[in-house]
Structures are given as C-alpha cells and as structure tokens.
PDB file of N, CA and C in Angstrom:
ATOM      1  N   MET A   1       0.879  -1.036   0.097  1.00  0.00           N
ATOM      2  CA  MET A   1       0.110  -0.181  -0.108  1.00  0.00           C
ATOM      3  C   MET A   1       0.744   0.845  -0.330  1.00  0.00           C
ATOM      4  N   THR A   2       0.591   2.056  -0.540  1.00  0.00           N
ATOM      5  CA  THR A   2       1.283   3.275  -0.925  1.00  0.00           C
ATOM      6  C   THR A   2       0.150   4.959  -0.002  1.00  0.00           C
ATOM      7  N   THR A   3       1.293   5.674   0.678  1.00  0.00           N
ATOM      8  CA  THR A   3       0.359   6.568   0.915  1.00  0.00           C
ATOM      9  C   THR A   3       0.780   7.720   0.054  1.00  0.00           C
ATOM     10  N   ASP A   4       0.489   9.039   0.858  1.00  0.00           N
ATOM     11  CA  ASP A   4       0.635  10.664  -0.398  1.00  0.00           C
ATOM     12  C   ASP A   4       2.428  10.636   0.153  1.00  0.00           C
ATOM     13  N   ASP A   5       2.634   9.917   1.313  1.00  0.00           N
ATOM     14  CA  ASP A   5       4.223  10.578   1.115  1.00  0.00           C
ATOM     15  C   ASP A   5       5.229   9.688   0.480  1.00  0.00           C
ATOM     16  N   THR A   6       4.491   8.478   0.349  1.00  0.00           N
ATOM     17  CA  THR A   6       5.673   7.405  -0.743  1.00  0.00           C
ATOM     18  C   THR A   6       5.579   8.128  -1.808  1.00  0.00           C
ATOM     19  N   LYS A   7       4.276   8.305  -2.877  1.00  0.00           N
ATOM     20  CA  LYS A   7       4.422   8.657  -3.832  1.00  0.00           C
ATOM     21  C   LYS A   7       4.913  10.039  -4.755  1.00  0.00           C
ATOM     22  N   THR A   8       5.543   9.389  -5.744  1.00  0.00           N
ATOM     23  CA  THR A   8       6.301   9.819  -6.609  1.00  0.00           C
ATOM     24  C   THR A   8       6.287  10.725  -7.904  1.00  0.00           C
ATOM     25  N   THR A   9       6.915  11.677  -8.209  1.00  0.00           N
ATOM     26  CA  THR A   9       6.423  12.395  -9.702  1.00  0.00           C
ATOM     27  C   THR A   9       7.203  11.158 -10.635  1.00  0.00           C
ATOM     28  N   VAL A  10       6.532  11.150 -11.973  1.00  0.00           N
ATOM     29  CA  VAL A  10       6.571  10.190 -12.690  1.00  0.00           C
ATOM     30  C   VAL A  10       7.863  10.585 -13.757  1.00  0.00           C
ATOM     31  N   GLY A  11       7.670  11.744 -13.707  1.00  0.00           N
ATOM     32  CA  GLY A  11       8.673  12.163 -14.648  1.00  0.00           C
ATOM     33  C   GLY A  11       8.575  12.127 -16.354  1.00  0.00           C
ATOM     34  N   LYS A  12       7.053  12.375 -16.458  1.00  0.00           N
ATOM     35  CA  LYS A  12       6.636  11.967 -17.501  1.00  0.00           C
ATOM     36  C   LYS A  12       6.228  13.689 -18.245  1.00  0.00           C
ATOM     37  N   THR A  13       6.381  14.983 -17.814  1.00  0.00           N
ATOM     38  CA  THR A  13       6.295  16.305 -17.968  1.00  0.00           C
ATOM     39  C   THR A  13       7.114  17.142 -18.478  1.00  0.00           C
ATOM     40  N   LEU A  14       6.512  17.177 -19.384  1.00  0.00           N
ATOM     41  CA  LEU A  14       7.940  18.008 -20.556  1.00  0.00           C
ATOM     42  C   LEU A  14       7.747  19.406 -20.662  1.00  0.00           C
ATOM     43  N   PHE A  15       8.219  20.515 -21.230  1.00  0.00           N
ATOM     44  CA  PHE A  15       7.954  21.814 -21.187  1.00  0.00           C
ATOM     45  C   PHE A  15       8.335  22.079 -22.512  1.00  0.00           C
ATOM     46  N   PHE A  16       7.523  22.418 -23.224  1.00  0.00           N
ATOM     47  CA  PHE A  16       8.557  23.290 -24.771  1.00  0.00           C
ATOM     48  C   PHE A  16       7.790  24.754 -24.708  1.00  0.00           C
ATOM     49  N   GLN A  17       8.833  25.012 -25.078  1.00  0.00           N
ATOM     50  CA  GLN A  17       8.560  26.921 -25.533  1.00  0.00           C
ATOM     51  C   GLN A  17       8.399  27.252 -26.367  1.00  0.00           C
ATOM     52  N   GLY A  18       6.920  27.846 -26.812  1.00  0.00           N
ATOM     53  CA  GLY A  18       6.900  28.332 -28.013  1.00  0.00           C
ATOM     54  C   GLY A  18       5.921  27.091 -29.414  1.00  0.00           C
ATOM     55  N   GLU A  19       5.236  28.145 -30.225  1.00  0.00           N
ATOM     56  CA  GLU A  19       4.576  26.731 -31.457  1.00  0.00           C
ATOM     57  C   GLU A  19       5.054  26.140 -31.791  1.00  0.00           C
ATOM     58  N   GLY A  20       5.198  25.041 -32.032  1.00  0.00           N
ATOM     59  CA  GLY A  20       5.623  24.273 -32.706  1.00  0.00           C
ATOM     60  C   GLY A  20       7.476  23.341 -32.684  1.00  0.00           C
ATOM     61  N   GLN A  21       7.170  23.920 -30.981  1.00  0.00           N
ATOM     62  CA  GLN A  21       8.506  23.368 -31.174  1.00  0.00           C
ATOM     63  C   GLN A  21       8.579  22.016 -30.902  1.00  0.00           C
ATOM     64  N   THR A  22       9.924  20.998 -30.692  1.00  0.00           N
ATOM     65  CA  THR A  22       9.994  19.623 -30.805  1.00  0.00           C
ATOM     66  C   THR A  22      10.826  19.438 -29.694  1.00  0.00           C
ATOM     67  N   GLN A  23      11.569  20.092 -29.057  1.00  0.00           N
ATOM     68  CA  GLN A  23      12.598  19.786 -28.173  1.00  0.00           C
ATOM     69  C   GLN A  23      12.609  20.590 -26.875  1.00  0.00           C
ATOM     70  N   PRO A  24      12.185  19.560 -26.049  1.00  0.00           N
ATOM     71  CA  PRO A  24      11.444  20.182 -24.276  1.00  0.00           C
ATOM     72  C   PRO A  24      12.769  21.051 -24.015  1.00  0.00           C
ATOM     73  N   LEU A  25      12.298  21.995 -23.432  1.00  0.00           N
ATOM     74  CA  LEU A  25      13.006  23.036 -22.445  1.00  0.00           C
ATOM     75  C   LEU A  25      13.490  22.449 -21.133  1.00  0.00           C
ATOM     76  N   PHE A  26      12.968  21.739 -20.408  1.00  0.00           N
ATOM     77  CA  PHE A  26      12.487  21.185 -19.245  1.00  0.00           C
ATOM     78  C   PHE A  26      11.939  19.938 -19.229  1.00  0.00           C
ATOM     79  N   CYS A  27      12.178  19.061 -18.265  1.00  0.00           N
ATOM     80  CA  CYS A  27      11.180  18.271 -17.599  1.00  0.00           C
ATOM     81  C   CYS A  27      11.630  17.974 -16.334  1.00  0.00           C
ATOM     82  N   ILE A  28      10.155  17.301 -16.205  1.00  0.00           N
ATOM     83  CA  ILE A  28      10.598  16.804 -14.465  1.00  0.00           C
ATOM     84  C   ILE A  28      11.081  15.590 -14.163  1.00  0.00           C
ATOM     85  N   ALA A  29      12.295  15.415 -13.275  1.00  0.00           N
ATOM     86  CA  ALA A  29      12.806  14.269 -12.939  1.00  0.00           C
ATOM     87  C   ALA A  29      11.766  13.283 -12.506  1.00  0.00           C
ATOM     88  N   PRO A  30      11.726  11.940 -12.402  1.00  0.00           N
ATOM     89  CA  PRO A  30      10.875  10.958 -11.823  1.00  0.00           C
ATOM     90  C   PRO A  30      11.549  11.238  -9.865  1.00  0.00           C
ATOM     91  N   GLY A  31      10.768  10.290  -9.333  1.00  0.00           N
ATOM     92  CA  GLY A  31      10.964  10.413  -7.737  1.00  0.00           C
ATOM     93  C   GLY A  31      11.174  10.895  -7.025  1.00  0.00           C
ATOM     94  N   ILE A  32      10.817  12.237  -7.267  1.00  0.00           N
ATOM     95  CA  ILE A  32      10.293  13.660  -6.489  1.00  0.00           C
ATOM     96  C   ILE A  32       9.392  12.876  -5.891  1.00  0.00           C
ATOM     97  N   PRO A  33       9.363  12.752  -4.705  1.00  0.00           N
ATOM     98  CA  PRO A  33       7.734  13.198  -3.164  1.00  0.00           C
ATOM     99  C   PRO A  33       6.823  13.934  -4.071  1.00  0.00           C
ATOM    100  N   CYS A  34       5.754  13.399  -4.231  1.00  0.00           N
ATOM    101  CA  CYS A  34       4.737  14.285  -4.661  1.00  0.00           C
ATOM    102  C   CYS A  34       4.646  15.652  -3.793  1.00  0.00           C
ATOM    103  N   GLN A  35       4.369  16.002  -1.996  1.00  0.00           N
ATOM    104  CA  GLN A  35       4.340  16.240  -1.368  1.00  0.00           C
ATOM    105  C   GLN A  35       5.504  17.443  -1.562  1.00  0.00           C
ATOM    106  N   SER A  36       6.690  17.281  -1.653  1.00  0.00           N
ATOM    107  CA  SER A  36       7.774  18.373  -2.049  1.00  0.00           C
ATOM    108  C   SER A  36       7.516  19.183  -3.261  1.00  0.00           C
ATOM    109  N   ALA A  37       7.201  18.446  -4.125  1.00  0.00           N
ATOM    110  CA  ALA A  37       6.898  18.848  -5.617  1.00  0.00           C
ATOM    111  C   ALA A  37       5.636  20.034  -5.255  1.00  0.00           C
ATOM    112  N   ARG A  38       4.769  19.252  -4.655  1.00  0.00           N
ATOM    113  CA  ARG A  38       3.795  20.307  -4.392  1.00  0.00           C
ATOM    114  C   ARG A  38       3.792  21.564  -3.952  1.00  0.00           C
ATOM    115  N   GLU A  39       5.066  21.582  -2.536  1.00  0.00           N
ATOM    116  CA  GLU A  39       5.503  22.382  -2.291  1.00  0.00           C
ATOM    117  C   GLU A  39       6.511  23.575  -2.764  1.00  0.00           C
ATOM    118  N   GLN A  40       7.155  22.863  -3.640  1.00  0.00           N
ATOM    119  CA  GLN A  40       8.048  23.281  -4.242  1.00  0.00           C
ATOM    120  C   GLN A  40       7.185  24.385  -5.499  1.00  0.00           C
ATOM    121  N   ALA A  41       6.510  24.007  -5.690  1.00  0.00           N
ATOM    122  CA  ALA A  41       5.754  24.543  -6.588  1.00  0.00           C
ATOM    123  C   ALA A  41       4.881  25.690  -6.447  1.00  0.00           C
ATOM    124  N   SER A  42       3.956  25.983  -5.059  1.00  0.00           N
ATOM    125  CA  SER A  42       3.600  26.981  -4.149  1.00  0.00           C
ATOM    126  C   SER A  42       5.037  27.699  -4.134  1.00  0.00           C
ATOM    127  N   GLU A  43       5.925  27.709  -3.445  1.00  0.00           N
ATOM    128  CA  GLU A  43       6.854  28.670  -3.670  1.00  0.00           C
ATOM    129  C   GLU A  43       7.037  29.279  -4.783  1.00  0.00           C
ATOM    130  N   LEU A  44       7.822  28.589  -5.892  1.00  0.00           N
ATOM    131  CA  LEU A  44       7.336  28.990  -6.920  1.00  0.00           C
ATOM    132  C   LEU A  44       7.083  29.885  -7.477  1.00  0.00           C
ATOM    133  N   MET A  45       5.157  29.585  -7.526  1.00  0.00           N
ATOM    134  CA  MET A  45       4.361  30.451  -7.483  1.00  0.00           C
ATOM    135  C   MET A  45       4.204  32.135  -6.828  1.00  0.00           C
ATOM    136  N   GLY A  46       4.539  31.677  -5.301  1.00  0.00           N
ATOM    137  CA  GLY A  46       4.511  32.889  -4.496  1.00  0.00           C
ATOM    138  C   GLY A  46       5.675  34.145  -5.178  1.00  0.00           C
ATOM    139  N   TYR A  47       7.159  33.442  -5.887  1.00  0.00           N
ATOM    140  CA  TYR A  47       7.690  34.190  -6.623  1.00  0.00           C
ATOM    141  C   TYR A  47       7.464  34.392  -8.089  1.00  0.00           C
ATOM    142  N   VAL A  48       6.751  33.878  -8.749  1.00  0.00           N
ATOM    143  CA  VAL A  48       6.071  34.719 -10.074  1.00  0.00           C
ATOM    144  C   VAL A  48       4.946  35.607  -9.447  1.00  0.00           C
ATOM    145  N   ARG A  49       4.293  35.780  -8.508  1.00  0.00           N
ATOM    146  CA  ARG A  49       3.701  36.427  -7.971  1.00  0.00           C
ATOM    147  C   ARG A  49       4.440  38.119  -8.248  1.00  0.00           C
ATOM    148  N   ASP A  50       5.330  37.581  -7.316  1.00  0.00           N
ATOM    149  CA  ASP A  50       5.941  39.273  -6.890  1.00  0.00           C
ATOM    150  C   ASP A  50       6.877  39.327  -7.964  1.00  0.00           C
ATOM    151  N   MET A  51       7.230  38.382  -8.473  1.00  0.00           N
ATOM    152  CA  MET A  51       7.974  38.980  -9.759  1.00  0.00           C
ATOM    153  C   MET A  51       6.859  39.524 -11.009  1.00  0.00           C
ATOM    154  N   THR A  52       6.162  38.988 -11.533  1.00  0.00           N
ATOM    155  CA  THR A  52       4.780  39.538 -12.511  1.00  0.00           C
ATOM    156  C   THR A  52       4.254  40.790 -11.651  1.00  0.00           C
ATOM    157  N   LEU A  53       4.361  41.199 -10.310  1.00  0.00           N
ATOM    158  CA  LEU A  53       3.972  42.457 -10.010  1.00  0.00           C
ATOM    159  C   LEU A  53       4.755  43.377 -10.402  1.00  0.00           C
ATOM    160  N   THR A  54       5.954  42.976  -9.847  1.00  0.00           N
ATOM    161  CA  THR A  54       7.686  44.296  -9.976  1.00  0.00           C
ATOM    162  C   THR A  54       7.365  44.354 -11.364  1.00  0.00           C
ATOM    163  N   GLY A  55       7.620  43.616 -12.293  1.00  0.00           N
ATOM    164  CA  GLY A  55       7.760  43.711 -13.585  1.00  0.00           C
ATOM    165  C   GLY A  55       6.665  45.024 -14.067  1.00  0.00           C
ATOM    166  N   LEU A  56       5.486  44.020 -14.122  1.00  0.00           N
ATOM    167  CA  LEU A  56       4.704  45.127 -14.401  1.00  0.00           C
ATOM    168  C   LEU A  56       4.682  46.529 -14.501  1.00  0.00           C
ATOM    169  N   MET A  57       4.792  46.703 -13.023  1.00  0.00           N
ATOM    170  CA  MET A  57       5.208  48.070 -12.188  1.00  0.00           C
ATOM    171  C   MET A  57       6.205  48.555 -12.769  1.00  0.00           C
ATOM    172  N   GLU A  58       7.148  48.107 -12.767  1.00  0.00           N
ATOM    173  CA  GLU A  58       8.779  48.915 -13.044  1.00  0.00           C
ATOM    174  C   GLU A  58       8.893  48.578 -15.104  1.00  0.00           C
ATOM    175  N   GLY A  59       8.112  48.095 -15.320  1.00  0.00           N
ATOM    176  CA  GLY A  59       8.414  47.506 -17.117  1.00  0.00           C
ATOM    177  C   GLY A  59       9.316  47.149 -17.469  1.00  0.00           C
ATOM    178  N   ASP A  60       9.670  46.094 -16.218  1.00  0.00           N
ATOM    179  CA  ASP A  60      10.662  45.076 -16.471  1.00  0.00           C
ATOM    180  C   ASP A  60      10.570  44.141 -17.438  1.00  0.00           C
ATOM    181  N   GLN A  61      10.888  43.749 -18.644  1.00  0.00           N
ATOM    182  CA  GLN A  61      10.310  43.150 -19.598  1.00  0.00           C
ATOM    183  C   GLN A  61      11.323  41.757 -19.165  1.00  0.00           C
ATOM    184  N   GLN A  62      12.288  41.464 -18.524  1.00  0.00           N
ATOM    185  CA  GLN A  62      13.046  40.160 -17.904  1.00  0.00           C
ATOM    186  C   GLN A  62      12.527  39.666 -16.834  1.00  0.00           C
ATOM    187  N   LEU A  63      11.880  40.382 -15.714  1.00  0.00           N
ATOM    188  CA  LEU A  63      11.211  39.679 -15.009  1.00  0.00           C
ATOM    189  C   LEU A  63       9.749  39.553 -15.141  1.00  0.00           C
ATOM    190  N   ILE A  64       9.091  39.876 -16.416  1.00  0.00           N
ATOM    191  CA  ILE A  64       7.992  39.429 -16.844  1.00  0.00           C
ATOM    192  C   ILE A  64       8.167  37.748 -17.526  1.00  0.00           C
ATOM    193  N   TRP A  65       9.554  38.115 -18.294  1.00  0.00           N
ATOM    194  CA  TRP A  65       9.875  36.799 -18.668  1.00  0.00           C
ATOM    195  C   TRP A  65       9.805  35.595 -17.873  1.00  0.00           C
ATOM    196  N   ALA A  66      11.138  35.843 -16.903  1.00  0.00           N
ATOM    197  CA  ALA A  66      11.368  34.994 -16.058  1.00  0.00           C
ATOM    198  C   ALA A  66      10.047  34.547 -15.035  1.00  0.00           C
ATOM    199  N   SER A  67       9.219  35.335 -15.106  1.00  0.00           N
ATOM    200  CA  SER A  67       8.047  34.614 -14.083  1.00  0.00           C
ATOM    201  C   SER A  67       7.547  34.333 -14.879  1.00  0.00           C
ATOM    202  N   HIS A  68       7.263  34.210 -16.545  1.00  0.00           N
ATOM    203  CA  HIS A  68       6.671  33.214 -17.223  1.00  0.00           C
ATOM    204  C   HIS A  68       7.255  31.791 -17.295  1.00  0.00           C
ATOM    205  N   TYR A  69       8.555  31.979 -17.498  1.00  0.00           N
ATOM    206  CA  TYR A  69       8.929  30.516 -17.188  1.00  0.00           C
ATOM    207  C   TYR A  69       9.009  29.968 -15.798  1.00  0.00           C
ATOM    208  N   LEU A  70       9.088  31.008 -14.712  1.00  0.00           N
ATOM    209  CA  LEU A  70       9.215  29.788 -13.519  1.00  0.00           C
ATOM    210  C   LEU A  70       7.577  29.468 -13.129  1.00  0.00           C
ATOM    211  N   SER A  71       6.501  30.220 -13.777  1.00  0.00           N
ATOM    212  CA  SER A  71       5.156  29.643 -13.609  1.00  0.00           C
ATOM    213  C   SER A  71       5.570  28.245 -14.763  1.00  0.00           C
ATOM    214  N   ALA A  72       5.800  28.071 -15.858  1.00  0.00           N
ATOM    215  CA  ALA A  72       5.822  26.793 -16.068  1.00  0.00           C
ATOM    216  C   ALA A  72       6.585  25.921 -15.379  1.00  0.00           C
ATOM    217  N   MET A  73       7.725  26.100 -15.125  1.00  0.00           N
ATOM    218  CA  MET A  73       8.164  25.145 -13.866  1.00  0.00           C
ATOM    219  C   MET A  73       7.717  24.602 -12.973  1.00  0.00           C
ATOM    220  N   ALA A  74       6.750  25.404 -12.415  1.00  0.00           N
ATOM    221  CA  ALA A  74       5.323  25.042 -11.213  1.00  0.00           C
ATOM    222  C   ALA A  74       4.425  24.174 -11.789  1.00  0.00           C
ATOM    223  N   LYS A  75       3.825  24.934 -12.918  1.00  0.00           N
ATOM    224  CA  LYS A  75       2.811  23.975 -13.791  1.00  0.00           C
ATOM    225  C   LYS A  75       3.244  22.562 -14.162  1.00  0.00           C
ATOM    226  N   ALA A  76       4.150  22.344 -14.244  1.00  0.00           N
ATOM    227  CA  ALA A  76       5.271  21.320 -14.644  1.00  0.00           C
ATOM    228  C   ALA A  76       5.376  20.568 -13.457  1.00  0.00           C
ATOM    229  N   LEU A  77       5.534  20.948 -12.625  1.00  0.00           N
ATOM    230  CA  LEU A  77       5.748  20.012 -11.389  1.00  0.00           C
ATOM    231  C   LEU A  77       4.391  19.277 -10.228  1.00  0.00           C
ATOM    232  N   LEU A  78       3.655  20.517 -10.768  1.00  0.00           N
ATOM    233  CA  LEU A  78       2.101  20.245 -10.193  1.00  0.00           C
ATOM    234  C   LEU A  78       1.572  18.827 -10.942  1.00  0.00           C
ATOM    235  N   ASP A  79       1.871  19.311 -12.257  1.00  0.00           N
ATOM    236  CA  ASP A  79       1.164  18.178 -13.359  1.00  0.00           C
ATOM    237  C   ASP A  79       1.616  16.849 -13.282  1.00  0.00           C
ATOM    238  N   ASP A  80       3.194  16.580 -12.892  1.00  0.00           N
ATOM    239  CA  ASP A  80       3.502  15.991 -12.766  1.00  0.00           C
ATOM    240  C   ASP A  80       3.868  14.975 -11.189  1.00  0.00           C
ATOM    241  N   ALA A  81       3.133  15.844 -10.386  1.00  0.00           N
ATOM    242  CA  ALA A  81       3.050  15.241  -8.739  1.00  0.00           C
ATOM    243  C   ALA A  81       1.645  14.706  -9.298  1.00  0.00           C
ATOM    244  N   GLU A  82       0.612  15.278  -9.910  1.00  0.00           N
ATOM    245  CA  GLU A  82      -0.960  14.483  -9.719  1.00  0.00           C
ATOM    246  C   GLU A  82      -0.807  13.325 -10.953  1.00  0.00           C
ATOM    247  N   LEU A  83      -0.128  13.442 -11.575  1.00  0.00           N
ATOM    248  CA  LEU A  83       0.246  11.971 -12.353  1.00  0.00           C
ATOM    249  C   LEU A  83       0.574  10.890 -11.496  1.00  0.00           C
ATOM    250  N   GLY A  84       1.956  11.266 -10.814  1.00  0.00           N
ATOM    251  CA  GLY A  84       2.244  10.153  -9.157  1.00  0.00           C
ATOM    252  C   GLY A  84       1.380  10.086  -8.611  1.00  0.00           C
ATOM    253  N   MET A  85       0.605  11.040  -8.238  1.00  0.00           N
ATOM    254  CA  MET A  85      -0.523  10.400  -7.114  1.00  0.00           C
ATOM    255  C   MET A  85      -1.695   9.965  -7.363  1.00  0.00           C
ATOM    256  N   MET A  86      -1.548   9.444  -9.297  1.00  0.00           N
ATOM    257  CA  MET A  86      -2.712   8.915  -9.525  1.00  0.00           C
ATOM    258  C   MET A  86      -2.168   7.271  -9.503  1.00  0.00           C
ATOM    259  N   HIS A  87      -0.907   6.784  -9.575  1.00  0.00           N
ATOM    260  CA  HIS A  87      -0.569   5.872  -9.595  1.00  0.00           C
ATOM    261  C   HIS A  87      -0.512   5.249  -8.233  1.00  0.00           C
TER     262      HIS A  87
END
C-alpha cells in the first residue's frame, strides 16, 4: 500500500517553449516525493506573483519573462505530481 508520503513524480511532464517546438526546454525528474513537488510549486508561484507585479509596475520585461518560465516550471511540477498521485 502506498500513501501520499511515498508517492513520487513520474517524470513524464515536459515543457516546450513556443509553437511548433519539438525539443523540450525542461522536464520533471522522476522520483521526487509528490508532497515536496507541490510545496516547491507553491513557493515558485509566490515568486512568480512577486516578479510579475514588480515587472509590470517597473516595466521590466526580463522579470515578466522570468516569471513566465517559473510559472511553467511550477505547472510542470504540479502536473507531474498529479500523475504520481494517480499511480
């Protein structure tokens, strides 16, 4: 029997940047405890929120693009953790 504490990411979630891209920019490694992956995704989303607001207020495109990539990483972590929880 497995519990939420023993379930891990499956390592199947890939992130592709841009339309028509065939090479993934990054992927989630298998074996990360799902609870840890969800905690990290939550922390990343906090950074995304702060960076997005700062980027918008200061007109800083670099912060906005950085927050875009961090949000994609957080989504990939959550998606892969969800796959792991279903196993």
